[in-house]
C-alpha atoms as a PDB file:
ATOM      1  CA  MET A   1     -62.475 -14.301  22.105  1.00  0.00           C
ATOM      2  CA  LYS A   2     -63.873 -17.270  22.361  1.00  0.00           C
ATOM      3  CA  HIS A   3     -66.079 -16.130  19.536  1.00  0.00           C
ATOM      4  CA  ALA A   4     -63.323 -14.950  17.165  1.00  0.00           C
ATOM      5  CA  SER A   5     -61.817 -18.490  17.699  1.00  0.00           C
ATOM      6  CA  LEU A   6     -65.277 -20.343  16.174  1.00  0.00           C
ATOM      7  CA  LEU A   7     -65.044 -17.785  13.745  1.00  0.00           C
ATOM      8  CA  LEU A   8     -61.634 -19.008  12.080  1.00  0.00           C
ATOM      9  CA  VAL A   9     -62.306 -22.550  12.885  1.00  0.00           C
ATOM     10  CA  THR A  10     -65.622 -22.953  11.459  1.00  0.00           C
ATOM     11  CA  PRO A  11     -64.805 -22.064   7.463  1.00  0.00           C
ATOM     12  CA  ILE A  12     -61.739 -24.616   7.965  1.00  0.00           C
ATOM     13  CA  VAL A  13     -63.900 -27.404   9.195  1.00  0.00           C
ATOM     14  CA  THR A  14     -66.477 -27.083   6.691  1.00  0.00           C
ATOM     15  CA  LEU A  15     -63.683 -26.966   4.010  1.00  0.00           C
ATOM     16  CA  LEU A  16     -61.949 -29.943   5.121  1.00  0.00           C
ATOM     17  CA  LEU A  17     -65.285 -31.471   4.988  1.00  0.00           C
ATOM     18  CA  ALA A  18     -66.011 -30.377   1.431  1.00  0.00           C
ATOM     19  CA  SER A  19     -62.521 -31.542   0.608  1.00  0.00           C
ATOM     20  CA  THR A  20     -63.149 -35.043   2.143  1.00  0.00           C
ATOM     21  CA  ARG A  21     -66.143 -35.244  -0.291  1.00  0.00           C
ATOM     22  CA  ALA A  22     -64.728 -34.388  -3.322  1.00  0.00           C
ATOM     23  CA  GLN A  23     -62.220 -37.159  -2.829  1.00  0.00           C
ATOM     24  CA  ASP A  24     -65.073 -39.649  -1.692  1.00  0.00           C
ATOM     25  CA  VAL A  25     -67.366 -38.711  -4.749  1.00  0.00           C
ATOM     26  CA  GLU A  26     -63.660 -38.840  -7.020  1.00  0.00           C
ATOM     27  CA  PHE A  27     -63.142 -42.110  -5.742  1.00  0.00           C
ATOM     28  CA  ILE A  28     -66.832 -43.581  -6.180  1.00  0.00           C
ATOM     29  CA  ARG A  29     -66.711 -42.378  -9.538  1.00  0.00           C
ATOM     30  CA  ALA A  30     -63.091 -44.265 -10.198  1.00  0.00           C
ATOM     31  CA  LEU A  31     -64.488 -47.299  -8.550  1.00  0.00           C
ATOM     32  CA  GLU A  32     -67.953 -47.043 -11.256  1.00  0.00           C
ATOM     33  CA  GLY A  33     -65.737 -46.546 -13.957  1.00  0.00           C
ATOM     34  CA  ALA A  34     -63.331 -49.636 -13.311  1.00  0.00           C
ATOM     35  CA  GLN A  35     -66.664 -51.519 -12.493  1.00  0.00           C
ATOM     36  CA  ALA A  36     -67.769 -50.634 -16.245  1.00  0.00           C
ATOM     37  CA  GLU A  37     -64.418 -53.371 -17.346  1.00  0.00           C
ATOM     38  CA  ARG A  38     -65.168 -56.187 -14.954  1.00  0.00           C
ATOM     39  CA  PRO A  39     -65.517 -59.058 -17.093  1.00  0.00           C
ATOM     40  CA  PRO A  40     -68.542 -60.556 -18.109  1.00  0.00           C
ATOM     41  CA  THR A  41     -67.783 -63.897 -16.778  1.00  0.00           C
ATOM     42  CA  ILE A  42     -65.985 -64.153 -12.924  1.00  0.00           C
ATOM     43  CA  GLU A  43     -64.631 -67.217 -11.074  1.00  0.00           C
ATOM     44  CA  SER A  44     -63.516 -67.871  -7.606  1.00  0.00           C
ATOM     45  CA  GLY A  45     -59.980 -67.298  -8.503  1.00  0.00           C
ATOM     46  CA  ALA A  46     -58.606 -64.701 -10.485  1.00  0.00           C
ATOM     47  CA  ARG A  47     -55.338 -62.763 -11.161  1.00  0.00           C
ATOM     48  CA  ILE A  48     -54.745 -59.229 -10.071  1.00  0.00           C
ATOM     49  CA  ALA A  49     -51.235 -58.475 -11.841  1.00  0.00           C
ATOM     50  CA  PRO A  50     -50.545 -59.933 -14.805  1.00  0.00           C
ATOM     51  CA  GLU A  51     -47.587 -62.786 -14.914  1.00  0.00           C
ATOM     52  CA  SER A  52     -45.371 -60.972 -16.737  1.00  0.00           C
ATOM     53  CA  GLU A  53     -45.606 -58.168 -14.154  1.00  0.00           C
ATOM     54  CA  PRO A  54     -42.022 -57.894 -12.139  1.00  0.00           C
ATOM     55  CA  GLY A  55     -42.387 -58.768  -8.319  1.00  0.00           C
ATOM     56  CA  THR A  56     -42.809 -61.381  -5.482  1.00  0.00           C
ATOM     57  CA  PRO A  57     -45.488 -63.768  -6.554  1.00  0.00           C
ATOM     58  CA  LEU A  58     -48.393 -63.425  -3.698  1.00  0.00           C
ATOM     59  CA  VAL A  59     -51.598 -65.518  -3.380  1.00  0.00           C
ATOM     60  CA  ILE A  60     -54.239 -64.035  -1.284  1.00  0.00           C
ATOM     61  CA  HIS A  61     -56.719 -67.072   0.267  1.00  0.00           C
ATOM     62  CA  GLY A  62     -60.020 -64.806   1.173  1.00  0.00           C
ATOM     63  CA  ARG A  63     -63.217 -65.570   2.124  1.00  0.00           C
ATOM     64  CA  VAL A  64     -66.357 -62.762   2.458  1.00  0.00           C
ATOM     65  CA  LEU A  65     -68.860 -63.273   5.031  1.00  0.00           C
ATOM     66  CA  ALA A  66     -72.158 -61.333   6.176  1.00  0.00           C
ATOM     67  CA  GLU A  67     -71.974 -59.034   9.061  1.00  0.00           C
ATOM     68  CA  ASP A  68     -72.939 -61.691  11.470  1.00  0.00           C
ATOM     69  CA  GLY A  69     -69.153 -63.082  10.475  1.00  0.00           C
ATOM     70  CA  ARG A  70     -69.839 -66.642  10.028  1.00  0.00           C
ATOM     71  CA  THR A  71     -72.668 -66.540   6.958  1.00  0.00           C
ATOM     72  CA  PRO A  72     -71.048 -66.711   3.691  1.00  0.00           C
ATOM     73  CA  LEU A  73     -71.764 -64.639   1.073  1.00  0.00           C
ATOM     74  CA  ARG A  74     -72.248 -67.064  -1.903  1.00  0.00           C
ATOM     75  CA  ASP A  75     -71.622 -65.023  -5.546  1.00  0.00           C
ATOM     76  CA  ALA A  76     -70.595 -61.634  -4.002  1.00  0.00           C
ATOM     77  CA  ILE A  77     -68.227 -60.016  -6.173  1.00  0.00           C
ATOM     78  CA  VAL A  78     -64.839 -58.868  -4.645  1.00  0.00           C
ATOM     79  CA  PHE A  79     -62.809 -56.175  -6.653  1.00  0.00           C
ATOM     80  CA  ALA A  80     -59.254 -55.502  -5.272  1.00  0.00           C
ATOM     81  CA  TYR A  81     -56.730 -53.531  -6.180  1.00  0.00           C
ATOM     82  CA  HIS A  82     -53.152 -52.594  -5.276  1.00  0.00           C
ATOM     83  CA  THR A  83     -49.368 -50.665  -6.584  1.00  0.00           C
ATOM     84  CA  ASP A  84     -46.817 -52.232  -8.373  1.00  0.00           C
ATOM     85  CA  ARG A  85     -43.624 -53.441  -6.370  1.00  0.00           C
ATOM     86  CA  GLU A  86     -42.622 -49.481  -6.542  1.00  0.00           C
ATOM     87  CA  GLY A  87     -45.358 -48.716  -4.884  1.00  0.00           C
ATOM     88  CA  LEU A  88     -47.643 -46.682  -8.054  1.00  0.00           C
ATOM     89  CA  TYR A  89     -50.856 -47.409  -8.551  1.00  0.00           C
ATOM     90  CA  ALA A  90     -50.796 -46.427 -11.925  1.00  0.00           C
ATOM     91  CA  ARG A  91     -48.163 -45.516 -15.252  1.00  0.00           C
ATOM     92  CA  PRO A  92     -47.276 -41.512 -14.800  1.00  0.00           C
ATOM     93  CA  GLY A  93     -49.636 -39.123 -16.271  1.00  0.00           C
ATOM     94  CA  ALA A  94     -52.705 -41.282 -15.594  1.00  0.00           C
ATOM     95  CA  PRO A  95     -55.670 -39.743 -13.883  1.00  0.00           C
ATOM     96  CA  PRO A  96     -56.144 -40.440 -10.297  1.00  0.00           C
ATOM     97  CA  HIS A  97     -57.707 -43.540  -9.405  1.00  0.00           C
ATOM     98  CA  SER A  98     -56.361 -45.234 -11.957  1.00  0.00           C
ATOM     99  CA  TRP A  99     -55.722 -48.731 -10.427  1.00  0.00           C
ATOM    100  CA  ARG A 100     -53.479 -50.527 -13.227  1.00  0.00           C
ATOM    101  CA  LEU A 101     -53.059 -53.670 -10.867  1.00  0.00           C
ATOM    102  CA  ARG A 102     -56.825 -54.499 -10.465  1.00  0.00           C
ATOM    103  CA  GLY A 103     -58.838 -58.020 -10.219  1.00  0.00           C
ATOM    104  CA  TRP A 104     -62.127 -59.281  -9.604  1.00  0.00           C
ATOM    105  CA  VAL A 105     -63.702 -62.758  -7.761  1.00  0.00           C
ATOM    106  CA  LYS A 106     -66.821 -64.319  -7.112  1.00  0.00           C
ATOM    107  CA  ALA A 107     -67.180 -65.821  -3.955  1.00  0.00           C
ATOM    108  CA  GLY A 108     -68.138 -69.632  -4.104  1.00  0.00           C
ATOM    109  CA  ALA A 109     -70.890 -71.028  -1.983  1.00  0.00           C
ATOM    110  CA  ASP A 110     -68.958 -71.368   1.161  1.00  0.00           C
ATOM    111  CA  GLY A 111     -67.616 -67.842   0.594  1.00  0.00           C
ATOM    112  CA  ARG A 112     -63.769 -68.578  -0.697  1.00  0.00           C
ATOM    113  CA  PHE A 113     -61.810 -66.569  -3.051  1.00  0.00           C
ATOM    114  CA  GLU A 114     -58.264 -66.185  -4.195  1.00  0.00           C
ATOM    115  CA  PHE A 115     -56.394 -63.529  -6.036  1.00  0.00           C
ATOM    116  CA  HIS A 116     -53.147 -64.937  -7.834  1.00  0.00           C
ATOM    117  CA  THR A 117     -50.601 -61.174  -7.842  1.00  0.00           C
ATOM    118  CA  ILE A 118     -47.515 -59.807  -6.829  1.00  0.00           C
ATOM    119  CA  ARG A 119     -46.520 -58.208  -3.580  1.00  0.00           C
ATOM    120  CA  PRO A 120     -47.212 -55.000  -3.978  1.00  0.00           C
ATOM    121  CA  GLY A 121     -44.810 -52.270  -2.808  1.00  0.00           C
ATOM    122  CA  SER A 122     -45.142 -49.421  -0.359  1.00  0.00           C
ATOM    123  CA  TYR A 123     -45.711 -46.282  -1.726  1.00  0.00           C
ATOM    124  CA  PRO A 124     -42.770 -43.917  -2.967  1.00  0.00           C
ATOM    125  CA  SER A 125     -42.357 -41.960   0.506  1.00  0.00           C
ATOM    126  CA  GLY A 126     -42.131 -44.393   2.430  1.00  0.00           C
ATOM    127  CA  SER A 127     -44.491 -43.423   4.055  1.00  0.00           C
ATOM    128  CA  GLN A 128     -47.670 -46.037   3.914  1.00  0.00           C
ATOM    129  CA  ALA A 129     -47.442 -49.618   4.267  1.00  0.00           C
ATOM    130  CA  ALA A 130     -47.727 -52.188   1.471  1.00  0.00           C
ATOM    131  CA  HIS A 131     -51.771 -52.496   1.129  1.00  0.00           C
ATOM    132  CA  VAL A 132     -54.299 -54.257  -1.203  1.00  0.00           C
ATOM    133  CA  HIS A 133     -57.722 -52.045  -1.378  1.00  0.00           C
ATOM    134  CA  PHE A 134     -60.728 -54.329  -1.175  1.00  0.00           C
ATOM    135  CA  THR A 135     -64.678 -53.178  -2.058  1.00  0.00           C
ATOM    136  CA  VAL A 136     -67.396 -56.058  -2.056  1.00  0.00           C
ATOM    137  CA  PHE A 137     -70.804 -56.013  -4.331  1.00  0.00           C
ATOM    138  CA  THR A 138     -73.713 -58.249  -3.496  1.00  0.00           C
ATOM    139  CA  ASP A 139     -76.584 -57.749  -5.232  1.00  0.00           C
ATOM    140  CA  GLU A 140     -78.177 -54.914  -2.682  1.00  0.00           C
ATOM    141  CA  ALA A 141     -75.423 -52.787  -1.757  1.00  0.00           C
ATOM    142  CA  ARG A 142     -71.523 -52.038  -1.956  1.00  0.00           C
ATOM    143  CA  TYR A 143     -69.190 -52.510   0.982  1.00  0.00           C
ATOM    144  CA  HIS A 144     -65.739 -51.468   2.035  1.00  0.00           C
ATOM    145  CA  GLY A 145     -63.327 -54.479   2.791  1.00  0.00           C
ATOM    146  CA  GLY A 146     -60.597 -53.041   4.355  1.00  0.00           C
ATOM    147  CA  ALA A 147     -56.779 -52.931   3.341  1.00  0.00           C
ATOM    148  CA  LEU A 148     -54.788 -55.976   3.423  1.00  0.00           C
ATOM    149  CA  GLU A 149     -51.327 -55.208   5.530  1.00  0.00           C
ATOM    150  CA  PHE A 150     -48.259 -57.797   5.984  1.00  0.00           C
ATOM    151  CA  ASP A 151     -47.472 -58.490   9.348  1.00  0.00           C
ATOM    152  CA  ASP A 152     -43.681 -58.855   7.796  1.00  0.00           C
ATOM    153  CA  ASP A 153     -43.535 -55.116   6.391  1.00  0.00           C
ATOM    154  CA  PRO A 154     -40.869 -52.660   8.233  1.00  0.00           C
ATOM    155  CA  LEU A 155     -42.926 -49.838   7.931  1.00  0.00           C
ATOM    156  CA  ILE A 156     -45.676 -51.523  10.384  1.00  0.00           C
ATOM    157  CA  ASP A 157     -44.855 -50.465  13.872  1.00  0.00           C
ATOM    158  CA  ALA A 158     -46.120 -51.392  17.127  1.00  0.00           C
ATOM    159  CA  ARG A 159     -48.876 -48.301  16.823  1.00  0.00           C
ATOM    160  CA  ASP A 160     -50.233 -49.779  13.351  1.00  0.00           C
ATOM    161  CA  ARG A 161     -50.448 -53.673  15.417  1.00  0.00           C
ATOM    162  CA  ALA A 162     -52.438 -52.183  18.081  1.00  0.00           C
ATOM    163  CA  ARG A 163     -55.014 -51.026  16.125  1.00  0.00           C
ATOM    164  CA  PRO A 164     -58.657 -52.555  17.274  1.00  0.00           C
ATOM    165  CA  ASN A 165     -59.150 -54.215  13.571  1.00  0.00           C
ATOM    166  CA  ALA A 166     -55.402 -54.784  12.810  1.00  0.00           C
ATOM    167  CA  SER A 167     -55.707 -58.420  14.500  1.00  0.00           C
ATOM    168  CA  GLY A 168     -57.850 -61.899  15.066  1.00  0.00           C
ATOM    169  CA  GLU A 169     -60.039 -63.580  12.181  1.00  0.00           C
ATOM    170  CA  PHE A 170     -61.140 -60.250  10.732  1.00  0.00           C
ATOM    171  CA  GLY A 171     -58.024 -58.221  10.996  1.00  0.00           C
ATOM    172  CA  THR A 172     -56.168 -56.453   8.516  1.00  0.00           C
ATOM    173  CA  ILE A 173     -52.480 -56.768   9.422  1.00  0.00           C
ATOM    174  CA  ARG A 174     -51.814 -60.880   8.249  1.00  0.00           C
ATOM    175  CA  ARG A 175     -49.176 -63.475   8.886  1.00  0.00           C
ATOM    176  CA  VAL A 176     -47.498 -63.972   5.223  1.00  0.00           C
ATOM    177  CA  ARG A 177     -46.491 -67.928   4.996  1.00  0.00           C
ATOM    178  CA  ARG A 178     -44.037 -68.967   2.229  1.00  0.00           C
ATOM    179  CA  GLU A 179     -44.031 -71.807   0.057  1.00  0.00           C
ATOM    180  CA  GLY A 180     -41.098 -71.806  -2.275  1.00  0.00           C
ATOM    181  CA  ASN A 181     -40.617 -67.856  -4.329  1.00  0.00           C
ATOM    182  CA  VAL A 182     -44.227 -67.411  -3.231  1.00  0.00           C
ATOM    183  CA  GLN A 183     -45.994 -66.140  -0.638  1.00  0.00           C
ATOM    184  CA  HIS A 184     -49.212 -66.298   1.048  1.00  0.00           C
ATOM    185  CA  VAL A 185     -51.738 -64.378   2.673  1.00  0.00           C
ATOM    186  CA  ASP A 186     -55.266 -65.627   4.591  1.00  0.00           C
ATOM    187  CA  PHE A 187     -57.717 -62.618   4.615  1.00  0.00           C
ATOM    188  CA  ASN A 188     -61.113 -62.606   5.658  1.00  0.00           C
ATOM    189  CA  ILE A 189     -63.745 -60.041   4.624  1.00  0.00           C
ATOM    190  CA  ARG A 190     -66.859 -59.640   7.169  1.00  0.00           C
ATOM    191  CA  VAL A 191     -69.060 -56.894   5.381  1.00  0.00           C
ATOM    192  CA  GLN A 192     -70.754 -54.593   7.578  1.00  0.00           C
ATOM    193  CA  SER A 193     -73.641 -52.397   7.350  1.00  0.00           C
ATOM    194  CA  ARG A 194     -71.343 -49.503   8.509  1.00  0.00           C
ATOM    195  CA  HIS A 195     -68.976 -49.941   5.836  1.00  0.00           C
ATOM    196  CA  ARG A 196     -71.918 -49.662   2.849  1.00  0.00           C
ATOM    197  CA  PHE A 197     -71.555 -46.530   0.663  1.00  0.00           C
END
């Protein structure tokens, strides 16, 4: 009976792995397509959402650091994208991974960067807390930079907060502070060789 179970499980695992690899290939293809549209000149501060985009204004104050967590990655390019306030990445009918709200910055000598945008919305299904995705490009490689989440999001629960990467200097769940009608968040990215792709 063990052999019959193994024969049933093996094709399912193979199918899941193939599906994951296909999604990864599709994501990388979309990411590379987006980079082809990267502006020729990039500063340490930029916009993701245009000023005309509906939503609560948000400023992301960031730093990108090497694997040691101390050395600034001067001139690293940080690519970020997120949903609109309705939780949508693209307009209806757009292909997968069409990130309408996206932007690029180049880290300064101290690794600092800043994005001006709007507070993203959670997915329409209500299954995922609002977040901002980051990818870091250096002269040598590209790295997953993690996803910024907001500590005041009602979809973040105790289990989320207990995740190993949820808190600390490089945590994904960050405190939101308000200055007038503008929200501000600090987000540090440490590139790690295991996140290279």
